[in-house]
Protein backbone atom coordinates (compact mmCIF):
# COMPACT_ATOMS: atom_id res chain seq x y z
CA MET A 1 3.01 -2.42 23.42
CA LEU A 2 6.02 -0.77 25.03
CA ASP A 3 4.55 2.72 24.98
CA GLY A 4 6.96 5.48 26.00
CA HIS A 5 10.10 3.33 25.92
CA THR A 6 13.22 5.27 24.91
CA VAL A 7 16.67 4.33 23.63
CA VAL A 8 19.39 6.98 24.02
CA PHE A 9 22.22 7.42 21.52
CA ASP A 10 24.99 10.05 21.40
CA ASP A 11 23.05 12.56 19.34
CA PHE A 12 19.42 11.47 19.38
CA VAL A 13 16.75 9.67 21.35
CA VAL A 14 14.41 7.06 19.92
CA CYS A 15 10.93 7.12 21.45
CA LEU A 16 8.48 4.29 20.88
CA LYS A 17 5.00 5.78 21.05
CA ASN A 18 1.69 3.98 20.94
CA LEU A 19 0.39 6.26 18.20
CA PRO A 20 -0.87 4.02 15.38
CA LEU A 21 -0.26 5.13 11.81
CA LEU A 22 -2.48 2.29 10.74
CA ASP A 23 -4.50 -0.26 12.66
CA PHE A 24 -1.65 -2.75 12.54
CA ALA A 25 1.37 -0.47 13.06
CA ALA A 26 3.04 1.66 15.70
CA THR A 27 5.05 4.82 15.29
CA VAL A 28 8.71 5.16 16.22
CA LEU A 29 9.73 8.80 16.60
CA PHE A 30 13.36 9.82 16.16
CA VAL A 31 14.03 12.84 18.37
CA SER A 32 17.30 14.72 18.80
CA CYS A 33 18.65 15.31 22.32
CA SER A 34 17.61 18.95 21.93
CA GLY A 35 14.02 17.82 21.42
CA GLN A 36 13.79 18.32 17.64
CA LEU A 37 11.91 15.69 15.64
CA ILE A 38 14.33 14.05 13.21
CA GLY A 39 11.86 11.70 11.56
CA TRP A 40 9.55 8.78 12.09
CA LYS A 41 9.01 5.26 10.82
CA PRO A 42 6.21 2.71 11.14
CA TYR A 43 7.04 -0.65 12.68
CA TRP A 44 4.58 -3.44 12.13
CA THR A 45 2.99 -4.79 15.27
CA LYS A 46 4.52 -8.25 14.81
CA TRP A 47 7.99 -6.68 15.00
CA LEU A 48 7.13 -5.15 18.36
CA ASN A 49 6.00 -8.40 19.96
CA LEU A 50 9.49 -8.88 21.33
CA PRO A 51 10.31 -10.81 24.52
CA ASN A 52 12.07 -7.95 26.29
CA VAL A 53 13.39 -4.41 26.10
CA ILE A 54 16.88 -5.59 25.19
CA SER A 55 15.53 -7.15 22.00
CA LEU A 56 13.77 -3.90 21.17
CA ASN A 57 17.00 -1.94 21.72
CA SER A 58 18.85 -4.33 19.43
CA MET A 59 16.17 -4.06 16.75
CA ILE A 60 16.35 -0.26 16.75
CA ARG A 61 20.15 -0.15 16.82
CA LYS A 62 20.30 -2.42 13.77
CA ASN A 63 18.29 0.24 11.96
CA HIS A 64 20.64 3.02 13.08
CA SER A 65 21.32 4.14 9.50
CA MET A 66 17.70 5.18 8.96
CA LEU A 67 18.15 7.91 11.58
CA LYS A 68 20.59 9.89 9.46
CA HIS A 69 17.75 11.64 7.67
CA LYS A 70 14.00 11.90 7.69
CA GLU A 71 12.69 8.95 5.71
CA LYS A 72 9.79 9.11 3.32
CA PHE A 73 7.15 6.40 3.25
CA PHE A 74 4.96 5.53 0.33
CA TYR A 75 1.68 3.73 -0.15
CA ARG A 76 3.57 0.72 -1.51
CA ASP A 77 5.24 0.28 1.90
CA LEU A 78 1.96 -0.31 3.75
CA PRO A 79 0.18 -3.42 2.35
CA ASN A 80 1.23 -6.90 3.50
CA ASN A 81 3.06 -7.57 0.23
CA LYS A 82 5.14 -4.41 -0.20
CA SER A 83 6.99 -5.51 -3.33
CA LEU A 84 3.73 -6.07 -5.20
CA TYR A 85 3.01 -2.34 -5.59
CA GLU A 86 6.50 -0.93 -6.25
CA GLY A 87 5.80 -0.24 -9.91
CA THR A 88 2.24 1.02 -9.57
CA TYR A 89 1.08 4.61 -9.88
CA TRP A 90 -0.87 4.24 -6.61
CA GLY A 91 2.12 2.82 -4.76
CA ASN A 92 4.30 5.86 -5.46
CA PHE A 93 2.17 8.32 -3.51
CA GLU A 94 3.94 9.59 -0.40
CA TYR A 95 2.24 8.66 2.87
CA ASP A 96 0.38 11.52 4.56
CA PRO A 97 -0.61 10.86 8.21
CA GLU A 98 -3.55 13.24 7.81
CA LYS A 99 -5.12 10.78 5.35
CA LYS A 100 -4.80 7.86 7.75
CA ALA A 101 -8.53 7.11 8.07
CA GLU A 102 -9.20 6.82 4.34
CA LEU A 103 -5.91 5.04 3.66
CA ASP A 104 -6.65 2.42 6.34
CA ILE A 105 -9.61 1.28 4.24
CA ILE A 106 -7.66 1.14 0.99
CA ILE A 107 -4.80 -0.82 2.58
CA LYS A 108 -7.22 -3.37 4.03
CA ASN A 109 -8.86 -3.65 0.62
CA ARG A 110 -5.49 -4.16 -1.07
CA ASN A 111 -4.63 -6.93 1.37
CA SER A 112 -8.01 -8.58 0.69
CA PHE A 113 -7.45 -8.24 -3.06
CA GLU A 114 -4.18 -10.13 -2.84
CA ILE A 115 -5.87 -12.99 -0.98
CA ASP A 116 -9.14 -13.07 -2.97
CA PHE A 117 -7.36 -13.59 -6.28
CA ASN A 118 -4.03 -15.15 -5.19
CA ILE A 119 -2.13 -12.24 -6.71
CA THR A 120 1.51 -13.04 -7.45
CA LYS A 121 2.92 -10.18 -9.53
CA TYR A 122 2.21 -6.70 -10.88
CA ILE A 123 2.47 -6.63 -14.69
CA GLY A 124 1.72 -3.10 -15.87
CA ASN A 125 -0.86 -0.36 -16.45
CA GLU A 126 -1.93 -0.70 -20.08
CA ARG A 127 -5.17 0.91 -21.19
CA PRO A 128 -7.52 0.06 -24.07
CA LYS A 129 -6.48 1.58 -27.39
CA LYS A 130 -9.96 2.97 -28.09
CA ASP A 131 -12.31 5.16 -26.08
CA THR A 132 -14.98 3.24 -24.18
CA VAL A 133 -18.11 4.11 -22.25
CA LEU A 134 -16.29 3.03 -19.11
CA LYS A 135 -13.40 5.33 -18.30
CA PHE A 136 -10.14 3.46 -17.80
CA ASP A 137 -8.16 5.29 -15.15
CA HIS A 138 -5.54 4.14 -12.61
CA CYS A 139 -5.32 0.80 -14.42
CA GLU A 140 -3.34 -2.13 -13.03
CA LEU A 141 -2.76 -5.61 -14.43
CA TYR A 142 -1.76 -8.44 -12.09
CA LYS A 143 -0.74 -12.06 -12.53
CA CYS A 144 -2.66 -14.51 -10.38
CA GLU A 145 -2.34 -18.25 -9.98
CA ASP A 146 -4.83 -19.05 -12.74
CA GLY A 147 -4.67 -16.08 -15.08
CA PHE A 148 -4.64 -12.29 -14.92
CA ILE A 149 -6.69 -9.67 -13.09
CA TYR A 150 -7.17 -6.25 -14.70
CA ILE A 151 -8.49 -3.36 -12.63
CA THR A 152 -9.51 0.18 -13.38
CA SER A 153 -10.43 2.75 -10.73
CA PRO A 154 -12.04 5.82 -12.29
CA TYR A 155 -13.41 8.65 -10.19
CA GLY A 156 -17.17 8.34 -9.85
CA SER A 157 -18.98 5.21 -10.96
CA ASN A 158 -20.54 3.67 -14.06
CA ASP A 159 -21.67 0.16 -13.14
CA LYS A 160 -23.77 -0.37 -16.26
CA ALA A 161 -20.93 0.50 -18.63
CA ALA A 162 -18.58 -1.79 -16.71
CA GLU A 163 -20.98 -4.74 -16.95
CA GLU A 164 -21.39 -4.23 -20.69
CA ILE A 165 -17.71 -5.01 -21.26
CA GLY A 166 -17.38 -7.80 -18.71
CA PHE A 167 -16.16 -5.90 -15.65
CA GLU A 168 -17.58 -6.23 -12.15
CA LYS A 169 -17.56 -3.78 -9.30
CA TYR A 170 -15.08 -4.49 -6.52
CA ILE A 171 -14.01 -2.89 -3.24
CA SER A 172 -12.12 0.37 -3.72
CA LEU A 173 -8.41 -0.11 -4.37
CA TYR A 174 -7.40 3.42 -5.29
CA ALA A 175 -9.23 6.12 -3.32
CA PRO A 176 -12.56 6.58 -1.49
CA ASN A 177 -13.94 8.69 -4.32
CA ALA A 178 -12.90 6.23 -7.04
CA THR A 179 -14.76 3.05 -7.97
CA THR A 180 -12.76 -0.08 -8.75
CA TYR A 181 -13.90 -2.46 -11.48
CA LEU A 182 -12.11 -5.64 -12.42
CA ARG A 183 -12.11 -8.39 -14.99
CA LYS A 184 -10.32 -11.71 -15.06
CA PHE A 185 -8.49 -13.00 -18.13
CA ALA A 186 -7.38 -16.58 -18.64
CA SER A 187 -4.16 -15.60 -20.43
CA LYS A 188 -2.03 -12.63 -21.44
CA TYR A 189 -3.06 -13.31 -25.04
CA GLU A 190 -6.72 -12.87 -24.11
CA PHE A 191 -5.91 -9.64 -22.24
CA ASN A 192 -3.88 -8.24 -25.17
CA LYS A 193 -6.76 -9.03 -27.52
CA PHE A 194 -9.13 -7.08 -25.26
CA ILE A 195 -6.78 -4.10 -25.08
CA LYS A 196 -6.41 -3.88 -28.86
CA SER A 197 -10.06 -4.46 -29.75
CA THR A 198 -11.80 -2.40 -27.08
């Protein structure tokens, strides 16, 4: 890692610091020549494995436009497949560096989720039409290679209620204090039937 490397422009300085936002990212700080922090942006480690400093300079200069203002980063920007979470409620939370430790776990779990079920697309966040013993909260429906995966991540836990309606406990995909349950459906028709009848 090229810790401490700087690139000087007319009105700002870009400093590459070895200060991980996540286990697999590094932080690029955008600092004005007067020393004021303009903003920051994560760069994935694979982007920083460049052959020389000239390549790094070129990479940063190509992203010159992002220095015009302080960018915001959202949860959806952090998993391996960024586009997968663009429409989700979870994905629209703004990234807070102070929550790094707990978010690291959720991001790793999201990446595992994609692989475990061969997730290909986010569908929506429908909930059952009727009240159930299991609380349906932070729901997400995904298309996978051989069907659909439906998850709910209520705060607290209720394993028995989940099992009664065909859901199984999974690694947390929403927050440390929320329990994720999931169920697989062979078709959208089967899912729709569950939503209407439950």
